[in-house]
Amino acid sequence: MTSVDNGLVIGIDVGSTTVKCTVVDPATLTIHWSRYQRHEARQAQILAEMLEAAEAEYPALKGGAGRAFITGSGAGPLAEAVGACFVQEVNAVTLAVEHLHPEVRSVIELGGQDA
């Protein structure tokens, strides 16, 4: 459930209130597929449904080749189960901002549990 031969990568965020899942081409940063859904304390179930939907649209994802990255307050227990590399949330935001907007000097991010 990770990436496909052509390099697509799955990004997952399992937060305190929602699950987000995106299929991205890392070479172009093109988003090919994404979902956002409140999980209502069913984080694993909602993530499984999202990954099944992504696999239905991108069958090569079923092979388990490549990479997936997971972050968020609920990601720890799910990372191994879905074969994803856990990235701490603050590090994920920092890496994204440094890459996409290197001119930015400060970022304020409030997740569901922080708000």
N, C-alpha and C. Protein backbone atom coordinates (compact mmCIF):
# COMPACT_ATOMS: atom_id res chain seq x y z
N MET A 1 0.81 -1.19 0.00
CA MET A 1 0.00 0.00 0.00
C MET A 1 0.85 1.25 0.00
N THR A 2 1.89 1.28 -0.72
CA THR A 2 2.77 2.43 -0.65
C THR A 2 2.82 3.19 -1.96
N SER A 3 3.78 2.95 -2.78
CA SER A 3 3.89 3.71 -4.01
C SER A 3 3.88 2.77 -5.20
N VAL A 4 3.87 3.33 -6.38
CA VAL A 4 3.80 2.51 -7.58
C VAL A 4 5.09 2.63 -8.37
N ASP A 5 5.24 1.79 -9.38
CA ASP A 5 6.46 1.77 -10.17
C ASP A 5 6.78 3.11 -10.80
N ASN A 6 5.76 3.90 -11.12
CA ASN A 6 6.03 5.18 -11.76
C ASN A 6 6.36 6.27 -10.75
N GLY A 7 6.53 5.93 -9.47
CA GLY A 7 7.01 6.88 -8.49
C GLY A 7 5.96 7.57 -7.65
N LEU A 8 4.70 7.27 -7.82
CA LEU A 8 3.70 7.92 -6.98
C LEU A 8 3.93 7.55 -5.52
N VAL A 9 3.66 8.49 -4.65
CA VAL A 9 3.85 8.30 -3.21
C VAL A 9 2.54 8.63 -2.51
N ILE A 10 2.24 7.89 -1.44
CA ILE A 10 1.06 8.16 -0.63
C ILE A 10 1.48 8.95 0.60
N GLY A 11 0.80 10.05 0.84
CA GLY A 11 0.97 10.84 2.05
C GLY A 11 -0.29 10.70 2.89
N ILE A 12 -0.12 10.41 4.18
CA ILE A 12 -1.25 10.16 5.07
C ILE A 12 -1.10 11.03 6.31
N ASP A 13 -2.19 11.64 6.75
CA ASP A 13 -2.21 12.38 8.00
C ASP A 13 -3.40 11.87 8.82
N VAL A 14 -3.09 11.26 9.95
CA VAL A 14 -4.13 10.75 10.84
C VAL A 14 -4.15 11.67 12.06
N GLY A 15 -5.08 12.59 12.07
CA GLY A 15 -5.16 13.56 13.14
C GLY A 15 -6.16 13.18 14.21
N SER A 16 -6.36 14.09 15.12
CA SER A 16 -7.27 13.81 16.23
C SER A 16 -8.73 13.85 15.79
N THR A 17 -9.03 14.50 14.66
CA THR A 17 -10.42 14.57 14.21
C THR A 17 -10.62 14.09 12.78
N THR A 18 -9.56 14.09 11.95
CA THR A 18 -9.72 13.73 10.54
C THR A 18 -8.59 12.84 10.07
N VAL A 19 -8.85 12.18 8.94
CA VAL A 19 -7.82 11.43 8.21
C VAL A 19 -7.73 12.06 6.82
N LYS A 20 -6.50 12.32 6.39
CA LYS A 20 -6.25 12.84 5.06
C LYS A 20 -5.31 11.88 4.35
N CYS A 21 -5.55 11.66 3.06
CA CYS A 21 -4.73 10.73 2.28
C CYS A 21 -4.58 11.32 0.88
N THR A 22 -3.35 11.31 0.38
CA THR A 22 -3.06 11.92 -0.92
C THR A 22 -2.10 11.04 -1.71
N VAL A 23 -2.34 10.91 -3.00
CA VAL A 23 -1.42 10.24 -3.91
C VAL A 23 -0.76 11.33 -4.74
N VAL A 24 0.58 11.40 -4.66
CA VAL A 24 1.33 12.50 -5.27
C VAL A 24 2.45 11.96 -6.15
N ASP A 25 2.71 12.68 -7.23
CA ASP A 25 3.91 12.43 -8.03
C ASP A 25 5.00 13.33 -7.45
N PRO A 26 6.00 12.75 -6.77
CA PRO A 26 7.00 13.59 -6.12
C PRO A 26 7.89 14.38 -7.08
N ALA A 27 7.99 13.93 -8.32
CA ALA A 27 8.82 14.63 -9.29
C ALA A 27 8.19 15.96 -9.71
N THR A 28 6.87 15.99 -9.80
CA THR A 28 6.17 17.20 -10.27
C THR A 28 5.33 17.85 -9.18
N LEU A 29 5.19 17.17 -8.04
CA LEU A 29 4.32 17.60 -6.94
C LEU A 29 2.86 17.67 -7.36
N THR A 30 2.51 16.91 -8.39
CA THR A 30 1.13 16.84 -8.85
C THR A 30 0.34 15.92 -7.94
N ILE A 31 -0.79 16.41 -7.46
CA ILE A 31 -1.68 15.59 -6.65
C ILE A 31 -2.61 14.85 -7.60
N HIS A 32 -2.55 13.53 -7.57
CA HIS A 32 -3.38 12.72 -8.45
C HIS A 32 -4.69 12.29 -7.79
N TRP A 33 -4.71 12.23 -6.48
CA TRP A 33 -5.88 11.72 -5.76
C TRP A 33 -5.78 12.19 -4.32
N SER A 34 -6.89 12.57 -3.72
CA SER A 34 -6.86 12.91 -2.29
C SER A 34 -8.24 12.78 -1.67
N ARG A 35 -8.23 12.52 -0.37
CA ARG A 35 -9.46 12.41 0.42
C ARG A 35 -9.22 13.05 1.78
N TYR A 36 -10.31 13.58 2.35
CA TYR A 36 -10.29 14.21 3.67
C TYR A 36 -11.59 13.83 4.35
N GLN A 37 -11.51 13.24 5.52
CA GLN A 37 -12.75 12.78 6.17
C GLN A 37 -12.61 12.79 7.69
N ARG A 38 -13.65 13.23 8.36
CA ARG A 38 -13.70 13.11 9.82
C ARG A 38 -13.77 11.64 10.17
N HIS A 39 -13.01 11.22 11.18
CA HIS A 39 -12.97 9.79 11.48
C HIS A 39 -13.88 9.38 12.63
N GLU A 40 -14.37 10.31 13.43
CA GLU A 40 -15.30 10.00 14.53
C GLU A 40 -14.79 8.83 15.37
N ALA A 41 -13.50 8.89 15.73
CA ALA A 41 -12.82 7.88 16.56
C ALA A 41 -12.67 6.52 15.87
N ARG A 42 -12.78 6.50 14.54
CA ARG A 42 -12.58 5.28 13.76
C ARG A 42 -11.40 5.49 12.80
N GLN A 43 -10.27 5.88 13.35
CA GLN A 43 -9.11 6.24 12.53
C GLN A 43 -8.68 5.11 11.60
N ALA A 44 -8.49 3.91 12.15
CA ALA A 44 -8.01 2.78 11.35
C ALA A 44 -9.01 2.41 10.26
N GLN A 45 -10.28 2.40 10.58
CA GLN A 45 -11.31 2.02 9.60
C GLN A 45 -11.36 3.04 8.46
N ILE A 46 -11.35 4.31 8.79
CA ILE A 46 -11.42 5.34 7.75
C ILE A 46 -10.17 5.30 6.88
N LEU A 47 -9.00 5.13 7.51
CA LEU A 47 -7.77 5.04 6.72
C LEU A 47 -7.81 3.83 5.79
N ALA A 48 -8.27 2.69 6.29
CA ALA A 48 -8.36 1.50 5.44
C ALA A 48 -9.29 1.75 4.25
N GLU A 49 -10.40 2.41 4.48
CA GLU A 49 -11.33 2.71 3.39
C GLU A 49 -10.69 3.64 2.36
N MET A 50 -9.94 4.63 2.85
CA MET A 50 -9.27 5.55 1.93
C MET A 50 -8.22 4.83 1.09
N LEU A 51 -7.44 3.98 1.74
CA LEU A 51 -6.40 3.26 1.00
C LEU A 51 -7.02 2.30 -0.01
N GLU A 52 -8.13 1.68 0.33
CA GLU A 52 -8.83 0.82 -0.63
C GLU A 52 -9.32 1.64 -1.83
N ALA A 53 -9.82 2.84 -1.57
CA ALA A 53 -10.29 3.71 -2.66
C ALA A 53 -9.12 4.13 -3.55
N ALA A 54 -7.99 4.45 -2.94
CA ALA A 54 -6.80 4.82 -3.72
C ALA A 54 -6.33 3.65 -4.57
N GLU A 55 -6.33 2.44 -3.98
CA GLU A 55 -5.92 1.25 -4.72
C GLU A 55 -6.88 0.95 -5.87
N ALA A 56 -8.16 1.22 -5.69
CA ALA A 56 -9.13 0.99 -6.76
C ALA A 56 -8.84 1.89 -7.95
N GLU A 57 -8.41 3.11 -7.67
CA GLU A 57 -8.11 4.05 -8.75
C GLU A 57 -6.70 3.85 -9.32
N TYR A 58 -5.79 3.41 -8.47
CA TYR A 58 -4.40 3.16 -8.87
C TYR A 58 -4.04 1.73 -8.46
N PRO A 59 -4.42 0.74 -9.27
CA PRO A 59 -4.24 -0.68 -8.92
C PRO A 59 -2.80 -1.06 -8.57
N ALA A 60 -1.80 -0.38 -9.13
CA ALA A 60 -0.42 -0.71 -8.82
C ALA A 60 -0.08 -0.46 -7.35
N LEU A 61 -0.88 0.33 -6.66
CA LEU A 61 -0.65 0.57 -5.23
C LEU A 61 -0.80 -0.71 -4.42
N LYS A 62 -1.56 -1.68 -4.93
CA LYS A 62 -1.78 -2.93 -4.21
C LYS A 62 -0.51 -3.74 -4.04
N GLY A 63 0.47 -3.52 -4.89
CA GLY A 63 1.70 -4.30 -4.86
C GLY A 63 2.58 -4.05 -3.65
N GLY A 64 2.41 -2.93 -2.99
CA GLY A 64 3.22 -2.62 -1.82
C GLY A 64 4.63 -2.16 -2.14
N ALA A 65 4.91 -1.82 -3.39
CA ALA A 65 6.24 -1.33 -3.75
C ALA A 65 6.29 0.18 -3.53
N GLY A 66 7.46 0.68 -3.21
CA GLY A 66 7.63 2.12 -3.11
C GLY A 66 7.51 2.64 -1.70
N ARG A 67 6.98 3.88 -1.57
CA ARG A 67 6.98 4.56 -0.29
C ARG A 67 5.64 5.18 0.06
N ALA A 68 5.35 5.18 1.36
CA ALA A 68 4.23 5.93 1.92
C ALA A 68 4.73 6.59 3.18
N PHE A 69 4.20 7.76 3.46
CA PHE A 69 4.59 8.50 4.65
C PHE A 69 3.34 8.84 5.43
N ILE A 70 3.44 8.74 6.75
CA ILE A 70 2.28 8.97 7.62
C ILE A 70 2.69 9.88 8.76
N THR A 71 1.81 10.80 9.10
CA THR A 71 2.05 11.74 10.19
C THR A 71 0.74 11.96 10.93
N GLY A 72 0.82 12.69 12.01
CA GLY A 72 -0.37 13.05 12.77
C GLY A 72 -0.42 12.38 14.12
N SER A 73 -1.30 12.89 14.96
CA SER A 73 -1.40 12.42 16.34
C SER A 73 -1.82 10.96 16.45
N GLY A 74 -2.52 10.44 15.47
CA GLY A 74 -2.97 9.05 15.50
C GLY A 74 -2.18 8.12 14.60
N ALA A 75 -1.08 8.60 14.05
CA ALA A 75 -0.34 7.84 13.05
C ALA A 75 0.52 6.72 13.61
N GLY A 76 1.06 6.91 14.79
CA GLY A 76 2.01 5.96 15.36
C GLY A 76 1.56 4.51 15.31
N PRO A 77 0.38 4.21 15.85
CA PRO A 77 -0.06 2.81 15.85
C PRO A 77 -0.41 2.25 14.47
N LEU A 78 -0.61 3.12 13.49
CA LEU A 78 -1.05 2.66 12.16
C LEU A 78 0.08 2.55 11.15
N ALA A 79 1.21 3.16 11.42
CA ALA A 79 2.30 3.23 10.45
C ALA A 79 2.73 1.85 9.98
N GLU A 80 3.04 0.98 10.91
CA GLU A 80 3.53 -0.36 10.53
C GLU A 80 2.45 -1.16 9.81
N ALA A 81 1.21 -1.03 10.27
CA ALA A 81 0.11 -1.80 9.68
C ALA A 81 -0.10 -1.47 8.21
N VAL A 82 0.14 -0.21 7.82
CA VAL A 82 -0.06 0.17 6.42
C VAL A 82 1.25 0.27 5.65
N GLY A 83 2.35 -0.06 6.30
CA GLY A 83 3.65 -0.05 5.62
C GLY A 83 4.17 1.33 5.31
N ALA A 84 3.85 2.28 6.18
CA ALA A 84 4.27 3.66 5.94
C ALA A 84 5.38 4.06 6.89
N CYS A 85 6.19 4.99 6.44
CA CYS A 85 7.25 5.56 7.26
C CYS A 85 6.66 6.70 8.09
N PHE A 86 6.78 6.62 9.42
CA PHE A 86 6.26 7.66 10.29
C PHE A 86 7.15 8.88 10.26
N VAL A 87 6.54 10.05 10.09
CA VAL A 87 7.25 11.33 10.13
C VAL A 87 6.54 12.18 11.17
N GLN A 88 7.30 12.67 12.16
CA GLN A 88 6.71 13.50 13.20
C GLN A 88 6.09 14.74 12.55
N GLU A 89 4.94 15.16 13.05
CA GLU A 89 4.13 16.19 12.42
C GLU A 89 4.86 17.52 12.24
N VAL A 90 5.55 17.99 13.26
CA VAL A 90 6.27 19.26 13.15
C VAL A 90 7.36 19.16 12.09
N ASN A 91 8.05 18.03 12.03
CA ASN A 91 9.08 17.83 11.00
C ASN A 91 8.46 17.81 9.61
N ALA A 92 7.31 17.19 9.45
CA ALA A 92 6.64 17.14 8.15
C ALA A 92 6.28 18.54 7.66
N VAL A 93 5.73 19.35 8.55
CA VAL A 93 5.37 20.72 8.17
C VAL A 93 6.62 21.52 7.83
N THR A 94 7.66 21.38 8.65
CA THR A 94 8.91 22.10 8.42
C THR A 94 9.50 21.75 7.06
N LEU A 95 9.58 20.45 6.75
CA LEU A 95 10.15 20.02 5.47
C LEU A 95 9.34 20.55 4.30
N ALA A 96 8.02 20.50 4.41
CA ALA A 96 7.17 20.97 3.32
C ALA A 96 7.33 22.47 3.10
N VAL A 97 7.32 23.24 4.17
CA VAL A 97 7.45 24.69 4.03
C VAL A 97 8.83 25.06 3.49
N GLU A 98 9.88 24.42 4.00
CA GLU A 98 11.22 24.72 3.50
C GLU A 98 11.34 24.43 2.01
N HIS A 99 10.69 23.36 1.56
CA HIS A 99 10.78 22.98 0.14
C HIS A 99 9.90 23.85 -0.75
N LEU A 100 8.67 24.08 -0.33
CA LEU A 100 7.71 24.79 -1.17
C LEU A 100 7.77 26.30 -1.05
N HIS A 101 8.13 26.79 0.14
CA HIS A 101 8.14 28.23 0.40
C HIS A 101 9.37 28.62 1.21
N PRO A 102 10.56 28.52 0.64
CA PRO A 102 11.79 28.77 1.40
C PRO A 102 11.89 30.20 1.96
N GLU A 103 11.11 31.12 1.43
CA GLU A 103 11.14 32.49 1.92
C GLU A 103 10.41 32.68 3.24
N VAL A 104 9.58 31.73 3.63
CA VAL A 104 8.78 31.83 4.86
C VAL A 104 9.67 31.64 6.07
N ARG A 105 9.48 32.48 7.08
CA ARG A 105 10.30 32.41 8.27
C ARG A 105 9.56 31.87 9.49
N SER A 106 8.22 31.89 9.45
CA SER A 106 7.44 31.39 10.59
C SER A 106 6.20 30.68 10.09
N VAL A 107 5.81 29.64 10.80
CA VAL A 107 4.59 28.90 10.47
C VAL A 107 3.83 28.64 11.77
N ILE A 108 2.53 28.85 11.72
CA ILE A 108 1.67 28.51 12.85
C ILE A 108 0.69 27.48 12.35
N GLU A 109 0.68 26.32 12.99
CA GLU A 109 -0.20 25.23 12.56
C GLU A 109 -0.94 24.73 13.80
N LEU A 110 -2.27 24.73 13.72
CA LEU A 110 -3.08 24.21 14.81
C LEU A 110 -3.86 23.01 14.32
N GLY A 111 -3.60 21.87 14.89
CA GLY A 111 -4.37 20.68 14.55
C GLY A 111 -5.64 20.62 15.38
N GLY A 112 -6.42 19.58 15.17
CA GLY A 112 -7.70 19.44 15.86
C GLY A 112 -7.57 19.43 17.37
N GLN A 113 -6.57 18.70 17.90
CA GLN A 113 -6.42 18.65 19.34
C GLN A 113 -5.87 19.95 19.90
N ASP A 114 -5.15 20.72 19.07
CA ASP A 114 -4.57 21.98 19.54
C ASP A 114 -5.60 23.10 19.54
N ALA A 115 -6.53 23.05 18.59
CA ALA A 115 -7.52 24.11 18.49
C ALA A 115 -8.47 24.04 19.67
